[in-house]
N, C-alpha and C. Protein backbone atom coordinates (compact mmCIF):
# COMPACT_ATOMS: atom_id res chain seq x y z
N MET A 1 -113.56 -16.15 -46.79
CA MET A 1 -112.76 -17.17 -46.25
C MET A 1 -113.56 -18.50 -46.15
N SER A 2 -112.89 -19.47 -46.55
CA SER A 2 -113.53 -20.92 -46.32
C SER A 2 -113.46 -21.27 -44.88
N GLY A 3 -114.27 -22.35 -44.51
CA GLY A 3 -114.26 -22.77 -43.22
C GLY A 3 -112.89 -23.36 -42.74
N ARG A 4 -112.29 -23.92 -43.63
CA ARG A 4 -110.90 -24.61 -43.40
C ARG A 4 -109.84 -23.62 -43.09
N VAL A 5 -109.83 -22.49 -43.84
CA VAL A 5 -108.83 -21.34 -43.65
C VAL A 5 -109.07 -20.79 -42.27
N ARG A 6 -110.42 -20.52 -41.87
CA ARG A 6 -110.77 -19.92 -40.69
C ARG A 6 -110.24 -20.84 -39.54
N LEU A 7 -110.56 -22.16 -39.61
CA LEU A 7 -110.13 -23.09 -38.65
C LEU A 7 -108.63 -23.02 -38.37
N ILE A 8 -107.81 -22.96 -39.48
CA ILE A 8 -106.37 -23.00 -39.42
C ILE A 8 -105.89 -21.77 -38.68
N LEU A 9 -106.47 -20.54 -39.13
CA LEU A 9 -106.14 -19.19 -38.59
C LEU A 9 -106.48 -19.26 -37.03
N CYS A 10 -107.57 -19.82 -36.63
CA CYS A 10 -108.04 -19.89 -35.30
C CYS A 10 -106.98 -20.68 -34.42
N VAL A 11 -106.63 -21.77 -35.04
CA VAL A 11 -105.61 -22.71 -34.32
C VAL A 11 -104.27 -22.08 -34.14
N ILE A 12 -103.85 -21.32 -35.19
CA ILE A 12 -102.59 -20.53 -35.08
C ILE A 12 -102.70 -19.44 -33.99
N ALA A 13 -103.83 -18.72 -34.03
CA ALA A 13 -103.96 -17.64 -33.08
C ALA A 13 -104.05 -18.16 -31.70
N CYS A 14 -104.64 -19.27 -31.51
CA CYS A 14 -104.81 -19.96 -30.10
C CYS A 14 -103.37 -20.37 -29.67
N PHE A 15 -102.57 -20.90 -30.50
CA PHE A 15 -101.26 -21.30 -30.29
C PHE A 15 -100.31 -20.14 -29.80
N VAL A 16 -100.44 -19.08 -30.59
CA VAL A 16 -99.61 -17.90 -30.38
C VAL A 16 -100.05 -17.24 -29.06
N ALA A 17 -101.37 -17.24 -28.82
CA ALA A 17 -101.81 -16.70 -27.54
C ALA A 17 -101.32 -17.61 -26.28
N ALA A 18 -101.31 -18.80 -26.50
CA ALA A 18 -100.85 -19.80 -25.39
C ALA A 18 -99.43 -19.56 -25.13
N ILE A 19 -98.55 -19.43 -26.16
CA ILE A 19 -97.17 -19.16 -26.01
C ILE A 19 -96.90 -17.83 -25.37
N GLY A 20 -97.75 -16.89 -25.83
CA GLY A 20 -97.54 -15.55 -25.19
C GLY A 20 -97.95 -15.57 -23.72
N GLY A 21 -98.92 -16.30 -23.36
CA GLY A 21 -99.44 -16.42 -21.97
C GLY A 21 -98.38 -17.01 -21.16
N VAL A 22 -97.65 -18.04 -21.67
CA VAL A 22 -96.50 -18.70 -20.85
C VAL A 22 -95.45 -17.74 -20.61
N PHE A 23 -95.08 -16.96 -21.63
CA PHE A 23 -93.90 -16.02 -21.45
C PHE A 23 -94.31 -14.83 -20.51
N ILE A 24 -95.60 -14.36 -20.66
CA ILE A 24 -96.00 -13.37 -19.67
C ILE A 24 -96.02 -13.90 -18.26
N GLY A 25 -96.64 -15.08 -18.04
CA GLY A 25 -96.67 -15.72 -16.79
C GLY A 25 -95.30 -15.85 -16.16
N ARG A 26 -94.35 -16.36 -16.94
CA ARG A 26 -93.01 -16.54 -16.42
C ARG A 26 -92.38 -15.24 -16.09
N ALA A 27 -92.67 -14.15 -16.76
CA ALA A 27 -92.02 -12.86 -16.46
C ALA A 27 -92.70 -12.21 -15.27
N LEU A 28 -93.96 -12.37 -15.06
CA LEU A 28 -94.58 -11.64 -13.96
C LEU A 28 -94.63 -12.42 -12.63
N LEU A 29 -94.81 -13.76 -12.76
CA LEU A 29 -94.80 -14.54 -11.47
C LEU A 29 -93.47 -14.90 -11.01
N PRO A 30 -93.23 -14.86 -9.64
CA PRO A 30 -91.99 -15.25 -9.15
C PRO A 30 -91.70 -16.75 -9.17
N SER A 31 -90.48 -17.13 -9.37
CA SER A 31 -90.26 -18.60 -9.47
C SER A 31 -90.34 -19.15 -8.04
N PRO A 32 -90.77 -20.35 -7.91
CA PRO A 32 -90.94 -21.04 -6.61
C PRO A 32 -89.57 -21.19 -5.84
N VAL A 33 -89.56 -21.07 -4.54
CA VAL A 33 -88.26 -21.11 -3.80
C VAL A 33 -88.14 -22.60 -3.49
N GLN A 34 -86.96 -23.02 -3.60
CA GLN A 34 -86.66 -24.43 -3.26
C GLN A 34 -86.79 -24.64 -1.79
N PRO A 35 -87.27 -25.74 -1.31
CA PRO A 35 -87.22 -25.94 0.20
C PRO A 35 -85.78 -26.00 0.64
N GLY A 36 -85.64 -25.39 1.80
CA GLY A 36 -84.33 -25.42 2.42
C GLY A 36 -83.42 -24.25 1.93
N ALA A 37 -83.82 -23.55 0.91
CA ALA A 37 -82.90 -22.58 0.38
C ALA A 37 -82.84 -21.36 1.31
N GLU A 38 -83.80 -21.04 2.06
CA GLU A 38 -83.78 -19.88 3.10
C GLU A 38 -82.83 -20.36 4.25
N LEU A 39 -82.81 -21.50 4.66
CA LEU A 39 -81.92 -22.04 5.76
C LEU A 39 -80.48 -21.89 5.26
N HIS A 40 -80.25 -22.43 4.05
CA HIS A 40 -78.89 -22.28 3.49
C HIS A 40 -78.38 -20.89 3.40
N GLU A 41 -79.32 -19.96 3.06
CA GLU A 41 -78.93 -18.53 3.00
C GLU A 41 -78.59 -18.00 4.29
N VAL A 42 -79.33 -18.38 5.38
CA VAL A 42 -79.00 -18.01 6.72
C VAL A 42 -77.67 -18.51 7.16
N LEU A 43 -77.57 -19.84 7.00
CA LEU A 43 -76.32 -20.47 7.49
C LEU A 43 -75.01 -19.96 6.82
N HIS A 44 -75.18 -19.68 5.57
CA HIS A 44 -73.90 -19.25 4.84
C HIS A 44 -73.65 -17.74 4.80
N HIS A 45 -74.73 -16.95 4.90
CA HIS A 45 -74.55 -15.52 4.70
C HIS A 45 -74.83 -14.63 5.86
N LYS A 46 -75.77 -15.04 6.64
CA LYS A 46 -76.33 -14.15 7.68
C LYS A 46 -75.70 -14.45 9.01
N LEU A 47 -75.31 -15.62 9.31
CA LEU A 47 -74.72 -15.98 10.61
C LEU A 47 -73.25 -15.76 10.59
N ALA A 48 -72.79 -15.34 11.70
CA ALA A 48 -71.28 -15.09 11.74
C ALA A 48 -70.72 -16.43 12.43
N LEU A 49 -70.34 -17.31 11.74
CA LEU A 49 -69.74 -18.50 12.07
C LEU A 49 -68.20 -18.41 12.22
N ASP A 50 -67.67 -19.00 13.27
CA ASP A 50 -66.21 -19.08 13.36
C ASP A 50 -65.65 -20.20 12.47
N ALA A 51 -64.43 -20.36 12.33
CA ALA A 51 -63.72 -21.37 11.45
C ALA A 51 -64.13 -22.76 11.78
N ASP A 52 -64.28 -23.08 13.12
CA ASP A 52 -64.67 -24.38 13.54
C ASP A 52 -66.18 -24.71 13.06
N GLN A 53 -66.99 -23.75 13.34
CA GLN A 53 -68.36 -23.98 12.93
C GLN A 53 -68.42 -24.18 11.49
N GLN A 54 -67.78 -23.38 10.71
CA GLN A 54 -67.85 -23.50 9.23
C GLN A 54 -67.23 -24.78 8.75
N ALA A 55 -66.21 -25.27 9.47
CA ALA A 55 -65.69 -26.61 9.00
C ALA A 55 -66.64 -27.70 9.30
N ARG A 56 -67.31 -27.66 10.46
CA ARG A 56 -68.34 -28.66 10.80
C ARG A 56 -69.55 -28.60 9.95
N LEU A 57 -69.94 -27.40 9.62
CA LEU A 57 -71.04 -27.19 8.53
C LEU A 57 -70.74 -27.81 7.23
N GLN A 58 -69.43 -27.54 6.75
CA GLN A 58 -68.95 -28.10 5.51
C GLN A 58 -68.98 -29.66 5.56
N ALA A 59 -68.52 -30.24 6.69
CA ALA A 59 -68.49 -31.70 6.78
C ALA A 59 -69.91 -32.22 6.74
N LEU A 60 -70.92 -31.51 7.42
CA LEU A 60 -72.30 -32.02 7.45
C LEU A 60 -72.85 -31.90 6.01
N GLU A 61 -72.52 -30.86 5.31
CA GLU A 61 -73.04 -30.71 3.94
C GLU A 61 -72.43 -31.78 3.10
N GLN A 62 -71.16 -32.08 3.18
CA GLN A 62 -70.55 -33.12 2.31
C GLN A 62 -71.15 -34.52 2.67
N ARG A 63 -71.42 -34.83 3.94
CA ARG A 63 -72.02 -36.07 4.32
C ARG A 63 -73.47 -36.18 3.73
N PHE A 64 -74.20 -35.06 3.81
CA PHE A 64 -75.55 -34.99 3.29
C PHE A 64 -75.56 -35.20 1.75
N ALA A 65 -74.60 -34.61 0.98
CA ALA A 65 -74.47 -34.75 -0.39
C ALA A 65 -74.29 -36.30 -0.82
N VAL A 66 -73.46 -36.93 0.03
CA VAL A 66 -73.24 -38.36 -0.26
C VAL A 66 -74.48 -39.14 -0.04
N GLN A 67 -75.19 -38.90 1.11
CA GLN A 67 -76.33 -39.54 1.42
C GLN A 67 -77.55 -39.30 0.46
N ARG A 68 -77.59 -38.10 0.03
CA ARG A 68 -78.58 -37.66 -0.97
C ARG A 68 -78.34 -38.43 -2.40
N ARG A 69 -77.10 -38.51 -2.70
CA ARG A 69 -76.78 -39.29 -4.00
C ARG A 69 -77.06 -40.74 -3.78
N ALA A 70 -76.87 -41.29 -2.71
CA ALA A 70 -77.16 -42.73 -2.47
C ALA A 70 -78.62 -42.86 -2.55
N PHE A 71 -79.46 -42.00 -1.96
CA PHE A 71 -80.84 -42.23 -1.93
C PHE A 71 -81.40 -41.98 -3.44
N GLU A 72 -80.80 -41.05 -4.17
CA GLU A 72 -81.24 -40.94 -5.56
C GLU A 72 -80.94 -42.16 -6.32
N LEU A 73 -79.73 -42.71 -6.21
CA LEU A 73 -79.44 -43.96 -6.85
C LEU A 73 -80.37 -45.13 -6.43
N GLU A 74 -80.55 -45.11 -5.15
CA GLU A 74 -81.52 -46.20 -4.67
C GLU A 74 -83.02 -46.09 -5.29
N LEU A 75 -83.48 -44.80 -5.40
CA LEU A 75 -84.74 -44.51 -5.95
C LEU A 75 -84.76 -44.87 -7.40
N ARG A 76 -83.68 -44.55 -8.18
CA ARG A 76 -83.72 -44.92 -9.54
C ARG A 76 -83.69 -46.44 -9.72
N ALA A 77 -82.98 -47.15 -8.91
CA ALA A 77 -82.95 -48.54 -8.98
C ALA A 77 -84.44 -49.19 -8.68
N ASP A 78 -85.06 -48.58 -7.74
CA ASP A 78 -86.36 -49.01 -7.40
C ASP A 78 -87.40 -48.70 -8.55
N ASN A 79 -87.17 -47.53 -9.08
CA ASN A 79 -88.08 -47.20 -10.26
C ASN A 79 -87.86 -48.05 -11.49
N ALA A 80 -86.56 -48.49 -11.69
CA ALA A 80 -86.24 -49.41 -12.81
C ALA A 80 -86.92 -50.86 -12.58
N ARG A 81 -86.81 -51.30 -11.27
CA ARG A 81 -87.50 -52.48 -10.89
C ARG A 81 -89.02 -52.49 -11.08
N LEU A 82 -89.63 -51.35 -10.68
CA LEU A 82 -91.07 -51.05 -10.91
C LEU A 82 -91.36 -51.13 -12.46
N ALA A 83 -90.56 -50.46 -13.16
CA ALA A 83 -90.85 -50.46 -14.59
C ALA A 83 -90.79 -51.84 -15.31
N GLU A 84 -89.96 -52.71 -14.78
CA GLU A 84 -89.74 -54.07 -15.26
C GLU A 84 -91.04 -54.90 -14.91
N ALA A 85 -91.68 -54.62 -13.76
CA ALA A 85 -92.76 -55.34 -13.24
C ALA A 85 -94.05 -55.19 -14.12
């Protein structure tokens, strides 16, 4: 084999090994837990909340969703201003 063919085969083998490593790593390693997911699990599935508590929790979550969306939009606007500078 010529040097060029060996180089191409080596590059292909390295690429296949890298892709295989990614798939094996994703299969064997657990995915990271999102912050706050455990609290959400406890509040919605493990605590025995009455109807009033569930309603208040739902109101808090809706308010948080609105605030989060506002913060995300503000962050995008700030990022756009930084990109222009």
